Amino acid sequence: MYYGNPFHSAEEWTIENEVGKLWQRFMTLAGKYASILSSIGTNNNIGYEIHIEPEEYKTTKKYYVFVGVEVTNIKEVPLEMFVKILPETRYANFTTKVHDKDSGAYIFKEWMPQKGYGQAYPYVIEAYDSRRFKGINDSESEIDWFIPVKKV
């Protein structure tokens, strides 16, 4: 987990920023605890990144970033890792190219209002499928966005 401005040390979509460093730490731990993660039913073909905006986000521009994989059985979790359970809700799902910087603005400022949706919870999930995501430097890499929505 990371809290703060993840781009204070490097720009978006680089492994040098705080999100990139967080993924590197997670991958090291995932290797170290591969047998435990296997026993709790992880899907290693999809990585998830969750951005949660606390109440003070609008003034501080600091938020939480979590990275990891989905698990199906929570019987044991390595000490350096944790489980995050998200609310059951409806999601809008979008697939974009990694470097499509206009997609977020379109989703929140155009698509959601036009369809009569608001954000149900202050978080966004990014899903990195190993078949379509080939790295942050590959312009053809795709990610899926899951945004919790509600009718307004």
C-alpha atoms as a PDB file:
ATOM      1  CA  MET A   1       0.000   0.000   0.000  1.00  0.00           C
ATOM      2  CA  TYR A   2       1.088   3.561  -0.682  1.00  0.00           C
ATOM      3  CA  TYR A   3      -0.451   6.825   0.552  1.00  0.00           C
ATOM      4  CA  GLY A   4       0.468  10.199  -0.892  1.00  0.00           C
ATOM      5  CA  ASN A   5       1.105  11.690  -4.313  1.00  0.00           C
ATOM      6  CA  PRO A   6       2.536   8.729  -6.241  1.00  0.00           C
ATOM      7  CA  PHE A   7       3.911  10.983  -8.969  1.00  0.00           C
ATOM      8  CA  HIS A   8       6.001  13.312  -6.812  1.00  0.00           C
ATOM      9  CA  SER A   9       9.233  11.515  -7.730  1.00  0.00           C
ATOM     10  CA  ALA A  10       8.505  10.585 -11.371  1.00  0.00           C
ATOM     11  CA  GLU A  11       5.765  11.041 -13.961  1.00  0.00           C
ATOM     12  CA  GLU A  12       2.855   8.682 -14.591  1.00  0.00           C
ATOM     13  CA  TRP A  13       3.399   5.351 -16.349  1.00  0.00           C
ATOM     14  CA  THR A  14       7.013   4.826 -15.286  1.00  0.00           C
ATOM     15  CA  ILE A  15       8.437   2.217 -12.959  1.00  0.00           C
ATOM     16  CA  GLU A  16      10.326   4.990 -11.166  1.00  0.00           C
ATOM     17  CA  ASN A  17       7.223   6.561  -9.584  1.00  0.00           C
ATOM     18  CA  GLU A  18       5.739   5.333  -6.312  1.00  0.00           C
ATOM     19  CA  VAL A  19       3.212   3.072  -8.048  1.00  0.00           C
ATOM     20  CA  GLY A  20       5.987   1.419 -10.047  1.00  0.00           C
ATOM     21  CA  LYS A  21       7.996   0.923  -6.860  1.00  0.00           C
ATOM     22  CA  LEU A  22       4.923  -0.518  -5.143  1.00  0.00           C
ATOM     23  CA  TRP A  23       4.498  -3.058  -7.950  1.00  0.00           C
ATOM     24  CA  GLN A  24       8.170  -3.988  -7.684  1.00  0.00           C
ATOM     25  CA  ARG A  25       7.816  -4.624  -3.930  1.00  0.00           C
ATOM     26  CA  PHE A  26       4.676  -6.682  -4.511  1.00  0.00           C
ATOM     27  CA  MET A  27       6.318  -8.805  -7.217  1.00  0.00           C
ATOM     28  CA  THR A  28       9.269  -9.517  -4.904  1.00  0.00           C
ATOM     29  CA  LEU A  29       6.889 -10.618  -2.133  1.00  0.00           C
ATOM     30  CA  ALA A  30       4.792 -12.654  -4.580  1.00  0.00           C
ATOM     31  CA  GLY A  31       7.911 -14.577  -5.548  1.00  0.00           C
ATOM     32  CA  LYS A  32       8.943 -15.063  -1.942  1.00  0.00           C
ATOM     33  CA  TYR A  33       5.497 -16.347  -0.935  1.00  0.00           C
ATOM     34  CA  ALA A  34       4.516 -18.155  -4.155  1.00  0.00           C
ATOM     35  CA  SER A  35       3.477 -21.337  -2.356  1.00  0.00           C
ATOM     36  CA  ILE A  36       1.230 -19.491   0.116  1.00  0.00           C
ATOM     37  CA  LEU A  37      -0.343 -17.396  -2.643  1.00  0.00           C
ATOM     38  CA  SER A  38      -0.954 -20.536  -4.681  1.00  0.00           C
ATOM     39  CA  SER A  39      -2.714 -22.159  -1.715  1.00  0.00           C
ATOM     40  CA  ILE A  40      -5.183 -19.272  -1.373  1.00  0.00           C
ATOM     41  CA  GLY A  41      -6.242 -19.422  -5.022  1.00  0.00           C
ATOM     42  CA  THR A  42      -4.583 -16.445  -6.638  1.00  0.00           C
ATOM     43  CA  ASN A  43      -5.039 -15.670 -10.309  1.00  0.00           C
ATOM     44  CA  ASN A  44      -1.570 -14.552 -11.356  1.00  0.00           C
ATOM     45  CA  ASN A  45      -2.726 -13.670 -14.876  1.00  0.00           C
ATOM     46  CA  ILE A  46      -4.378 -10.440 -13.730  1.00  0.00           C
ATOM     47  CA  GLY A  47      -2.876  -7.798 -11.486  1.00  0.00           C
ATOM     48  CA  TYR A  48      -5.028  -5.141  -9.873  1.00  0.00           C
ATOM     49  CA  GLU A  49      -4.241  -1.587  -8.879  1.00  0.00           C
ATOM     50  CA  ILE A  50      -6.788   0.231  -6.726  1.00  0.00           C
ATOM     51  CA  HIS A  51      -6.762   3.994  -6.182  1.00  0.00           C
ATOM     52  CA  ILE A  52      -8.838   5.124  -3.201  1.00  0.00           C
ATOM     53  CA  GLU A  53      -9.492   8.821  -2.645  1.00  0.00           C
ATOM     54  CA  PRO A  54      -9.996   9.746   1.034  1.00  0.00           C
ATOM     55  CA  GLU A  55     -12.168  12.722   2.006  1.00  0.00           C
ATOM     56  CA  GLU A  56      -9.189  15.089   2.046  1.00  0.00           C
ATOM     57  CA  TYR A  57      -8.106  14.180  -1.513  1.00  0.00           C
ATOM     58  CA  LYS A  58      -9.521  17.349  -3.082  1.00  0.00           C
ATOM     59  CA  THR A  59      -7.293  19.539  -0.921  1.00  0.00           C
ATOM     60  CA  THR A  60      -4.208  17.341  -0.490  1.00  0.00           C
ATOM     61  CA  LYS A  61      -4.190  15.428  -3.825  1.00  0.00           C
ATOM     62  CA  LYS A  62      -2.973  12.434  -1.798  1.00  0.00           C
ATOM     63  CA  TYR A  63      -4.631   9.050  -2.099  1.00  0.00           C
ATOM     64  CA  TYR A  64      -4.138   5.356  -1.367  1.00  0.00           C
ATOM     65  CA  VAL A  65      -2.767   2.927  -3.943  1.00  0.00           C
ATOM     66  CA  PHE A  66      -3.060  -0.834  -3.452  1.00  0.00           C
ATOM     67  CA  VAL A  67      -1.640  -3.434  -5.828  1.00  0.00           C
ATOM     68  CA  GLY A  68      -2.096  -7.185  -5.904  1.00  0.00           C
ATOM     69  CA  VAL A  69      -4.024 -10.147  -7.195  1.00  0.00           C
ATOM     70  CA  GLU A  70      -7.443 -11.616  -6.573  1.00  0.00           C
ATOM     71  CA  VAL A  71      -7.694 -14.493  -4.103  1.00  0.00           C
ATOM     72  CA  THR A  72     -10.493 -17.025  -3.677  1.00  0.00           C
ATOM     73  CA  ASN A  73      -9.696 -18.431  -0.237  1.00  0.00           C
ATOM     74  CA  ILE A  74      -8.466 -16.296   2.642  1.00  0.00           C
ATOM     75  CA  LYS A  75      -6.959 -18.877   4.962  1.00  0.00           C
ATOM     76  CA  GLU A  76      -3.433 -17.505   5.266  1.00  0.00           C
ATOM     77  CA  VAL A  77      -1.881 -14.255   4.112  1.00  0.00           C
ATOM     78  CA  PRO A  78       1.833 -13.489   4.347  1.00  0.00           C
ATOM     79  CA  LEU A  79       2.599 -11.000   7.109  1.00  0.00           C
ATOM     80  CA  GLU A  80       3.811  -8.311   4.689  1.00  0.00           C
ATOM     81  CA  MET A  81       0.614  -8.591   2.617  1.00  0.00           C
ATOM     82  CA  PHE A  82      -3.040  -8.007   3.377  1.00  0.00           C
ATOM     83  CA  VAL A  83      -6.494  -8.606   1.941  1.00  0.00           C
ATOM     84  CA  LYS A  84      -8.725  -5.752   0.819  1.00  0.00           C
ATOM     85  CA  ILE A  85     -12.438  -6.509   0.505  1.00  0.00           C
ATOM     86  CA  LEU A  86     -14.286  -4.034  -1.689  1.00  0.00           C
ATOM     87  CA  PRO A  87     -18.001  -3.243  -1.440  1.00  0.00           C
ATOM     88  CA  GLU A  88     -20.428  -5.150  -3.621  1.00  0.00           C
ATOM     89  CA  THR A  89     -21.554  -2.679  -6.233  1.00  0.00           C
ATOM     90  CA  ARG A  90     -22.189  -2.112  -9.908  1.00  0.00           C
ATOM     91  CA  TYR A  91     -19.175  -1.261 -12.071  1.00  0.00           C
ATOM     92  CA  ALA A  92     -18.704   0.528 -15.356  1.00  0.00           C
ATOM     93  CA  ASN A  93     -15.940  -1.227 -17.286  1.00  0.00           C
ATOM     94  CA  PHE A  94     -13.722   0.400 -19.908  1.00  0.00           C
ATOM     95  CA  THR A  95     -10.705  -0.909 -21.800  1.00  0.00           C
ATOM     96  CA  THR A  96      -8.088   1.626 -22.847  1.00  0.00           C
ATOM     97  CA  LYS A  97      -4.554   1.760 -24.142  1.00  0.00           C
ATOM     98  CA  VAL A  98      -2.036   2.382 -21.360  1.00  0.00           C
ATOM     99  CA  HIS A  99      -0.977   5.818 -22.559  1.00  0.00           C
ATOM    100  CA  ASP A 100      -4.479   7.100 -23.432  1.00  0.00           C
ATOM    101  CA  LYS A 101      -4.448  10.010 -20.994  1.00  0.00           C
ATOM    102  CA  ASP A 102      -7.822  11.361 -22.182  1.00  0.00           C
ATOM    103  CA  SER A 103      -9.786   8.243 -21.240  1.00  0.00           C
ATOM    104  CA  GLY A 104     -10.224   9.148 -17.561  1.00  0.00           C
ATOM    105  CA  ALA A 105     -11.527  12.600 -18.383  1.00  0.00           C
ATOM    106  CA  TYR A 106     -13.940  11.146 -20.937  1.00  0.00           C
ATOM    107  CA  ILE A 107     -15.276   8.517 -18.521  1.00  0.00           C
ATOM    108  CA  PHE A 108     -15.839  10.881 -15.584  1.00  0.00           C
ATOM    109  CA  LYS A 109     -16.769  14.105 -17.374  1.00  0.00           C
ATOM    110  CA  GLU A 110     -18.716  12.821 -20.377  1.00  0.00           C
ATOM    111  CA  TRP A 111     -19.793   9.173 -20.286  1.00  0.00           C
ATOM    112  CA  MET A 112     -20.977   8.999 -16.670  1.00  0.00           C
ATOM    113  CA  PRO A 113     -23.053  12.226 -16.754  1.00  0.00           C
ATOM    114  CA  GLN A 114     -24.524  11.367 -20.173  1.00  0.00           C
ATOM    115  CA  LYS A 115     -25.600   7.934 -18.919  1.00  0.00           C
ATOM    116  CA  GLY A 116     -26.923   9.277 -15.608  1.00  0.00           C
ATOM    117  CA  TYR A 117     -24.258   7.711 -13.411  1.00  0.00           C
ATOM    118  CA  GLY A 118     -22.262   8.995 -10.487  1.00  0.00           C
ATOM    119  CA  GLN A 119     -19.414   7.333  -8.667  1.00  0.00           C
ATOM    120  CA  ALA A 120     -20.766   4.991  -5.976  1.00  0.00           C
ATOM    121  CA  TYR A 121     -17.508   4.858  -4.000  1.00  0.00           C
ATOM    122  CA  PRO A 122     -14.348   6.984  -4.203  1.00  0.00           C
ATOM    123  CA  TYR A 123     -12.086   4.414  -5.843  1.00  0.00           C
ATOM    124  CA  VAL A 124     -11.075   3.099  -9.248  1.00  0.00           C
ATOM    125  CA  ILE A 125      -9.703  -0.330 -10.138  1.00  0.00           C
ATOM    126  CA  GLU A 126      -7.204  -0.873 -12.926  1.00  0.00           C
ATOM    127  CA  ALA A 127      -6.815  -4.477 -14.121  1.00  0.00           C
ATOM    128  CA  TYR A 128      -3.683  -5.624 -15.916  1.00  0.00           C
ATOM    129  CA  ASP A 129      -4.416  -8.813 -17.864  1.00  0.00           C
ATOM    130  CA  SER A 130      -1.198 -10.607 -18.858  1.00  0.00           C
ATOM    131  CA  ARG A 131      -2.573 -11.320 -22.363  1.00  0.00           C
ATOM    132  CA  ARG A 132      -3.203  -7.653 -23.207  1.00  0.00           C
ATOM    133  CA  PHE A 133      -0.807  -5.781 -20.946  1.00  0.00           C
ATOM    134  CA  LYS A 134       2.762  -6.157 -22.201  1.00  0.00           C
ATOM    135  CA  GLY A 135       4.341  -3.443 -20.067  1.00  0.00           C
ATOM    136  CA  ILE A 136       4.099   0.296 -19.583  1.00  0.00           C
ATOM    137  CA  ASN A 137       6.438   1.007 -22.493  1.00  0.00           C
ATOM    138  CA  ASP A 138       4.353  -0.955 -25.019  1.00  0.00           C
ATOM    139  CA  SER A 139       1.950   1.477 -26.695  1.00  0.00           C
ATOM    140  CA  GLU A 140      -0.386  -1.413 -27.594  1.00  0.00           C
ATOM    141  CA  SER A 141      -0.787  -2.512 -23.970  1.00  0.00           C
ATOM    142  CA  GLU A 142      -4.351  -2.362 -22.708  1.00  0.00           C
ATOM    143  CA  ILE A 143      -5.812  -2.083 -19.232  1.00  0.00           C
ATOM    144  CA  ASP A 144      -9.340  -2.446 -17.922  1.00  0.00           C
ATOM    145  CA  TRP A 145     -10.889   0.190 -15.685  1.00  0.00           C
ATOM    146  CA  PHE A 146     -13.607  -0.702 -13.203  1.00  0.00           C
ATOM    147  CA  ILE A 147     -15.438   2.271 -11.740  1.00  0.00           C
ATOM    148  CA  PRO A 148     -18.090   1.747  -9.054  1.00  0.00           C
ATOM    149  CA  VAL A 149     -21.224   3.509 -10.293  1.00  0.00           C
ATOM    150  CA  LYS A 150     -24.749   4.324  -9.171  1.00  0.00           C
ATOM    151  CA  LYS A 151     -27.682   5.975 -10.902  1.00  0.00           C
ATOM    152  CA  VAL A 152     -28.053   9.632  -9.981  1.00  0.00           C
END
